[in-house]
Amino acid sequence: MIKPMILVTAPVQTRSGYGNHSRDICQALIEMDKYDVRIQAVRWGSTPPNALEKDNPIHQEIDKEY
């Protein structure tokens, strides 16, 4: 079965409230395993883009999605 593709355009890499929220959404979509999740990371002002943790399995999934 082919999964429908979903594109999430969000500041997933940033240390911001929107970054946290977008990572939560991406995690939920990935764990549902109903969609082919693609992630397009964008900047959020001047917040640092270093929120993805190398040792976190979900962050590894988010990092490889874009």
PDB file of N, CA and C in Angstrom:
ATOM      1  N   MET A   1       0.835  -1.178   0.000  1.00  0.00           N
ATOM      2  CA  MET A   1       0.000   0.000   0.000  1.00  0.00           C
ATOM      3  C   MET A   1       0.884   1.246   0.000  1.00  0.00           C
ATOM      4  N   ILE A   2       0.545   2.172  -0.846  1.00  0.00           N
ATOM      5  CA  ILE A   2       1.290   3.426  -0.924  1.00  0.00           C
ATOM      6  C   ILE A   2       0.706   4.402   0.097  1.00  0.00           C
ATOM      7  N   LYS A   3       1.588   4.957   0.894  1.00  0.00           N
ATOM      8  CA  LYS A   3       1.164   5.942   1.894  1.00  0.00           C
ATOM      9  C   LYS A   3       1.063   7.321   1.245  1.00  0.00           C
ATOM     10  N   PRO A   4       0.053   8.099   1.626  1.00  0.00           N
ATOM     11  CA  PRO A   4       0.005   9.477   1.122  1.00  0.00           C
ATOM     12  C   PRO A   4       1.163  10.294   1.700  1.00  0.00           C
ATOM     13  N   MET A   5       1.733  11.154   0.876  1.00  0.00           N
ATOM     14  CA  MET A   5       2.843  11.976   1.337  1.00  0.00           C
ATOM     15  C   MET A   5       2.303  13.226   2.038  1.00  0.00           C
ATOM     16  N   ILE A   6       2.977  13.585   3.097  1.00  0.00           N
ATOM     17  CA  ILE A   6       2.651  14.817   3.813  1.00  0.00           C
ATOM     18  C   ILE A   6       3.940  15.610   3.972  1.00  0.00           C
ATOM     19  N   LEU A   7       3.888  16.885   3.658  1.00  0.00           N
ATOM     20  CA  LEU A   7       5.045  17.772   3.795  1.00  0.00           C
ATOM     21  C   LEU A   7       4.815  18.687   4.984  1.00  0.00           C
ATOM     22  N   VAL A   8       5.716  18.630   5.931  1.00  0.00           N
ATOM     23  CA  VAL A   8       5.666  19.510   7.101  1.00  0.00           C
ATOM     24  C   VAL A   8       6.752  20.567   6.904  1.00  0.00           C
ATOM     25  N   THR A   9       6.345  21.810   6.792  1.00  0.00           N
ATOM     26  CA  THR A   9       7.288  22.923   6.679  1.00  0.00           C
ATOM     27  C   THR A   9       7.263  23.640   8.018  1.00  0.00           C
ATOM     28  N   ALA A  10       8.349  23.504   8.773  1.00  0.00           N
ATOM     29  CA  ALA A  10       8.352  24.008  10.151  1.00  0.00           C
ATOM     30  C   ALA A  10       9.788  24.197  10.637  1.00  0.00           C
ATOM     31  N   PRO A  11       9.945  24.960  11.719  1.00  0.00           N
ATOM     32  CA  PRO A  11      11.288  25.198  12.269  1.00  0.00           C
ATOM     33  C   PRO A  11      11.735  24.061  13.200  1.00  0.00           C
ATOM     34  N   VAL A  12      11.786  22.834  12.679  1.00  0.00           N
ATOM     35  CA  VAL A  12      12.074  21.657  13.499  1.00  0.00           C
ATOM     36  C   VAL A  12      13.458  21.671  14.140  1.00  0.00           C
ATOM     37  N   GLN A  13      14.386  22.406  13.584  1.00  0.00           N
ATOM     38  CA  GLN A  13      15.753  22.437  14.116  1.00  0.00           C
ATOM     39  C   GLN A  13      15.962  23.495  15.189  1.00  0.00           C
ATOM     40  N   THR A  14      14.997  24.381  15.378  1.00  0.00           N
ATOM     41  CA  THR A  14      15.242  25.542  16.224  1.00  0.00           C
ATOM     42  C   THR A  14      14.899  25.318  17.687  1.00  0.00           C
ATOM     43  N   ARG A  15      15.580  26.070  18.529  1.00  0.00           N
ATOM     44  CA  ARG A  15      15.311  26.074  19.965  1.00  0.00           C
ATOM     45  C   ARG A  15      14.292  27.170  20.259  1.00  0.00           C
ATOM     46  N   SER A  16      13.061  26.904  19.861  1.00  0.00           N
ATOM     47  CA  SER A  16      11.978  27.855  20.074  1.00  0.00           C
ATOM     48  C   SER A  16      10.728  27.062  20.446  1.00  0.00           C
ATOM     49  N   GLY A  17       9.731  27.758  20.917  1.00  0.00           N
ATOM     50  CA  GLY A  17       8.464  27.093  21.216  1.00  0.00           C
ATOM     51  C   GLY A  17       7.863  26.466  19.975  1.00  0.00           C
ATOM     52  N   TYR A  18       7.953  27.180  18.849  1.00  0.00           N
ATOM     53  CA  TYR A  18       7.444  26.637  17.592  1.00  0.00           C
ATOM     54  C   TYR A  18       8.267  25.424  17.160  1.00  0.00           C
ATOM     55  N   GLY A  19       9.551  25.446  17.444  1.00  0.00           N
ATOM     56  CA  GLY A  19      10.397  24.295  17.140  1.00  0.00           C
ATOM     57  C   GLY A  19       9.977  23.081  17.946  1.00  0.00           C
ATOM     58  N   ASN A  20       9.759  23.287  19.249  1.00  0.00           N
ATOM     59  CA  ASN A  20       9.306  22.175  20.097  1.00  0.00           C
ATOM     60  C   ASN A  20       7.984  21.614  19.596  1.00  0.00           C
ATOM     61  N   HIS A  21       7.058  22.505  19.297  1.00  0.00           N
ATOM     62  CA  HIS A  21       5.737  22.078  18.839  1.00  0.00           C
ATOM     63  C   HIS A  21       5.827  21.328  17.510  1.00  0.00           C
ATOM     64  N   SER A  22       6.637  21.831  16.596  1.00  0.00           N
ATOM     65  CA  SER A  22       6.758  21.169  15.294  1.00  0.00           C
ATOM     66  C   SER A  22       7.423  19.806  15.422  1.00  0.00           C
ATOM     67  N   ARG A  23       8.378  19.652  16.335  1.00  0.00           N
ATOM     68  CA  ARG A  23       8.987  18.335  16.555  1.00  0.00           C
ATOM     69  C   ARG A  23       7.965  17.363  17.126  1.00  0.00           C
ATOM     70  N   ASP A  24       7.108  17.843  18.026  1.00  0.00           N
ATOM     71  CA  ASP A  24       6.039  16.987  18.568  1.00  0.00           C
ATOM     72  C   ASP A  24       5.100  16.521  17.467  1.00  0.00           C
ATOM     73  N   ILE A  25       4.722  17.426  16.578  1.00  0.00           N
ATOM     74  CA  ILE A  25       3.831  17.073  15.472  1.00  0.00           C
ATOM     75  C   ILE A  25       4.506  16.062  14.547  1.00  0.00           C
ATOM     76  N   CYS A  26       5.759  16.315  14.208  1.00  0.00           N
ATOM     77  CA  CYS A  26       6.490  15.388  13.339  1.00  0.00           C
ATOM     78  C   CYS A  26       6.615  14.017  13.984  1.00  0.00           C
ATOM     79  N   GLN A  27       6.903  13.988  15.271  1.00  0.00           N
ATOM     80  CA  GLN A  27       7.011  12.720  15.975  1.00  0.00           C
ATOM     81  C   GLN A  27       5.693  11.952  15.898  1.00  0.00           C
ATOM     82  N   ALA A  28       4.586  12.626  16.140  1.00  0.00           N
ATOM     83  CA  ALA A  28       3.275  11.971  16.089  1.00  0.00           C
ATOM     84  C   ALA A  28       3.002  11.421  14.687  1.00  0.00           C
ATOM     85  N   LEU A  29       3.295  12.203  13.665  1.00  0.00           N
ATOM     86  CA  LEU A  29       3.052  11.747  12.293  1.00  0.00           C
ATOM     87  C   LEU A  29       3.933  10.549  11.934  1.00  0.00           C
ATOM     88  N   ILE A  30       5.185  10.580  12.345  1.00  0.00           N
ATOM     89  CA  ILE A  30       6.100   9.470  12.062  1.00  0.00           C
ATOM     90  C   ILE A  30       5.636   8.213  12.780  1.00  0.00           C
ATOM     91  N   GLU A  31       5.254   8.350  14.044  1.00  0.00           N
ATOM     92  CA  GLU A  31       4.834   7.187  14.833  1.00  0.00           C
ATOM     93  C   GLU A  31       3.509   6.595  14.355  1.00  0.00           C
ATOM     94  N   MET A  32       2.646   7.422  13.739  1.00  0.00           N
ATOM     95  CA  MET A  32       1.386   6.899  13.195  1.00  0.00           C
ATOM     96  C   MET A  32       1.642   5.915  12.060  1.00  0.00           C
ATOM     97  N   ASP A  33       2.717   6.117  11.337  1.00  0.00           N
ATOM     98  CA  ASP A  33       3.111   5.257  10.221  1.00  0.00           C
ATOM     99  C   ASP A  33       2.014   5.146   9.152  1.00  0.00           C
ATOM    100  N   LYS A  34       1.243   6.209   8.982  1.00  0.00           N
ATOM    101  CA  LYS A  34       0.196   6.238   7.972  1.00  0.00           C
ATOM    102  C   LYS A  34       0.573   7.098   6.777  1.00  0.00           C
ATOM    103  N   TYR A  35       1.635   7.884   6.921  1.00  0.00           N
ATOM    104  CA  TYR A  35       2.017   8.849   5.892  1.00  0.00           C
ATOM    105  C   TYR A  35       3.494   8.718   5.551  1.00  0.00           C
ATOM    106  N   ASP A  36       3.815   9.108   4.335  1.00  0.00           N
ATOM    107  CA  ASP A  36       5.200   9.283   3.931  1.00  0.00           C
ATOM    108  C   ASP A  36       5.547  10.713   4.333  1.00  0.00           C
ATOM    109  N   VAL A  37       6.176  10.874   5.489  1.00  0.00           N
ATOM    110  CA  VAL A  37       6.422  12.198   6.067  1.00  0.00           C
ATOM    111  C   VAL A  37       7.691  12.794   5.471  1.00  0.00           C
ATOM    112  N   ARG A  38       7.552  13.987   4.935  1.00  0.00           N
ATOM    113  CA  ARG A  38       8.688  14.763   4.446  1.00  0.00           C
ATOM    114  C   ARG A  38       8.725  16.046   5.247  1.00  0.00           C
ATOM    115  N   ILE A  39       9.913  16.463   5.623  1.00  0.00           N
ATOM    116  CA  ILE A  39      10.047  17.647   6.462  1.00  0.00           C
ATOM    117  C   ILE A  39      10.942  18.664   5.773  1.00  0.00           C
ATOM    118  N   GLN A  40      10.428  19.870   5.673  1.00  0.00           N
ATOM    119  CA  GLN A  40      11.199  20.991   5.135  1.00  0.00           C
ATOM    120  C   GLN A  40      11.479  21.932   6.306  1.00  0.00           C
ATOM    121  N   ALA A  41      12.709  21.935   6.761  1.00  0.00           N
ATOM    122  CA  ALA A  41      13.084  22.785   7.890  1.00  0.00           C
ATOM    123  C   ALA A  41      13.220  24.234   7.441  1.00  0.00           C
ATOM    124  N   VAL A  42      12.699  25.134   8.252  1.00  0.00           N
ATOM    125  CA  VAL A  42      12.834  26.563   7.988  1.00  0.00           C
ATOM    126  C   VAL A  42      13.408  27.244   9.229  1.00  0.00           C
ATOM    127  N   ARG A  43      13.917  28.433   9.043  1.00  0.00           N
ATOM    128  CA  ARG A  43      14.458  29.215  10.160  1.00  0.00           C
ATOM    129  C   ARG A  43      13.316  29.846  10.944  1.00  0.00           C
ATOM    130  N   TRP A  44      13.585  30.196  12.192  1.00  0.00           N
ATOM    131  CA  TRP A  44      12.617  30.943  12.989  1.00  0.00           C
ATOM    132  C   TRP A  44      13.357  32.099  13.643  1.00  0.00           C
ATOM    133  N   GLY A  45      13.383  33.212  12.945  1.00  0.00           N
ATOM    134  CA  GLY A  45      14.084  34.388  13.451  1.00  0.00           C
ATOM    135  C   GLY A  45      15.553  34.099  13.655  1.00  0.00           C
ATOM    136  N   SER A  46      16.056  34.498  14.814  1.00  0.00           N
ATOM    137  CA  SER A  46      17.475  34.286  15.101  1.00  0.00           C
ATOM    138  C   SER A  46      17.691  33.166  16.121  1.00  0.00           C
ATOM    139  N   THR A  47      16.687  32.305  16.294  1.00  0.00           N
ATOM    140  CA  THR A  47      16.850  31.195  17.243  1.00  0.00           C
ATOM    141  C   THR A  47      17.860  30.191  16.706  1.00  0.00           C
ATOM    142  N   PRO A  48      18.671  29.617  17.593  1.00  0.00           N
ATOM    143  CA  PRO A  48      19.697  28.670  17.143  1.00  0.00           C
ATOM    144  C   PRO A  48      19.080  27.402  16.536  1.00  0.00           C
ATOM    145  N   PRO A  49      19.637  26.951  15.413  1.00  0.00           N
ATOM    146  CA  PRO A  49      19.126  25.736  14.767  1.00  0.00           C
ATOM    147  C   PRO A  49      19.849  24.477  15.242  1.00  0.00           C
ATOM    148  N   ASN A  50      19.984  24.309  16.549  1.00  0.00           N
ATOM    149  CA  ASN A  50      20.742  23.165  17.070  1.00  0.00           C
ATOM    150  C   ASN A  50      19.942  22.349  18.086  1.00  0.00           C
ATOM    151  N   ALA A  51      18.634  22.259  17.880  1.00  0.00           N
ATOM    152  CA  ALA A  51      17.793  21.578  18.855  1.00  0.00           C
ATOM    153  C   ALA A  51      17.724  20.057  18.659  1.00  0.00           C
ATOM    154  N   LEU A  52      18.052  19.567  17.472  1.00  0.00           N
ATOM    155  CA  LEU A  52      17.978  18.126  17.241  1.00  0.00           C
ATOM    156  C   LEU A  52      19.156  17.435  17.923  1.00  0.00           C
ATOM    157  N   GLU A  53      18.831  16.460  18.761  1.00  0.00           N
ATOM    158  CA  GLU A  53      19.848  15.726  19.521  1.00  0.00           C
ATOM    159  C   GLU A  53      20.277  14.481  18.748  1.00  0.00           C
ATOM    160  N   LYS A  54      21.567  14.305  18.583  1.00  0.00           N
ATOM    161  CA  LYS A  54      22.111  13.187  17.801  1.00  0.00           C
ATOM    162  C   LYS A  54      21.744  11.827  18.405  1.00  0.00           C
ATOM    163  N   ASP A  55      21.600  11.741  19.737  1.00  0.00           N
ATOM    164  CA  ASP A  55      21.324  10.467  20.400  1.00  0.00           C
ATOM    165  C   ASP A  55      19.839  10.167  20.557  1.00  0.00           C
ATOM    166  N   ASN A  56      18.983  11.072  20.144  1.00  0.00           N
ATOM    167  CA  ASN A  56      17.537  10.896  20.289  1.00  0.00           C
ATOM    168  C   ASN A  56      16.993  10.217  19.030  1.00  0.00           C
ATOM    169  N   PRO A  57      16.423   9.005  19.155  1.00  0.00           N
ATOM    170  CA  PRO A  57      15.950   8.284  17.965  1.00  0.00           C
ATOM    171  C   PRO A  57      14.895   9.048  17.154  1.00  0.00           C
ATOM    172  N   ILE A  58      13.988   9.735  17.820  1.00  0.00           N
ATOM    173  CA  ILE A  58      12.972  10.501  17.096  1.00  0.00           C
ATOM    174  C   ILE A  58      13.623  11.671  16.357  1.00  0.00           C
ATOM    175  N   HIS A  59      14.573  12.330  16.999  1.00  0.00           N
ATOM    176  CA  HIS A  59      15.265  13.438  16.334  1.00  0.00           C
ATOM    177  C   HIS A  59      16.063  12.929  15.130  1.00  0.00           C
ATOM    178  N   GLN A  60      16.594  11.721  15.225  1.00  0.00           N
ATOM    179  CA  GLN A  60      17.295  11.132  14.080  1.00  0.00           C
ATOM    180  C   GLN A  60      16.331  10.918  12.922  1.00  0.00           C
ATOM    181  N   GLU A  61      15.117  10.467  13.226  1.00  0.00           N
ATOM    182  CA  GLU A  61      14.100  10.292  12.189  1.00  0.00           C
ATOM    183  C   GLU A  61      13.715  11.629  11.560  1.00  0.00           C
ATOM    184  N   ILE A  62      13.519  12.634  12.400  1.00  0.00           N
ATOM    185  CA  ILE A  62      13.171  13.958  11.891  1.00  0.00           C
ATOM    186  C   ILE A  62      14.306  14.495  11.023  1.00  0.00           C
ATOM    187  N   ASP A  63      15.528  14.310  11.462  1.00  0.00           N
ATOM    188  CA  ASP A  63      16.694  14.815  10.735  1.00  0.00           C
ATOM    189  C   ASP A  63      16.819  14.154   9.369  1.00  0.00           C
ATOM    190  N   LYS A  64      16.482  12.883   9.266  1.00  0.00           N
ATOM    191  CA  LYS A  64      16.636  12.217   7.974  1.00  0.00           C
ATOM    192  C   LYS A  64      15.463  12.446   7.039  1.00  0.00           C
ATOM    193  N   GLU A  65      14.398  13.023   7.533  1.00  0.00           N
ATOM    194  CA  GLU A  65      13.210  13.229   6.710  1.00  0.00           C
ATOM    195  C   GLU A  65      13.347  14.401   5.752  1.00  0.00           C
ATOM    196  N   TYR A  66      14.319  15.281   5.943  1.00  0.00           N
ATOM    197  CA  TYR A  66      14.405  16.413   5.017  1.00  0.00           C
ATOM    198  C   TYR A  66      15.730  16.442   4.318  1.00  0.00           C
TER     199      TYR A  66
END
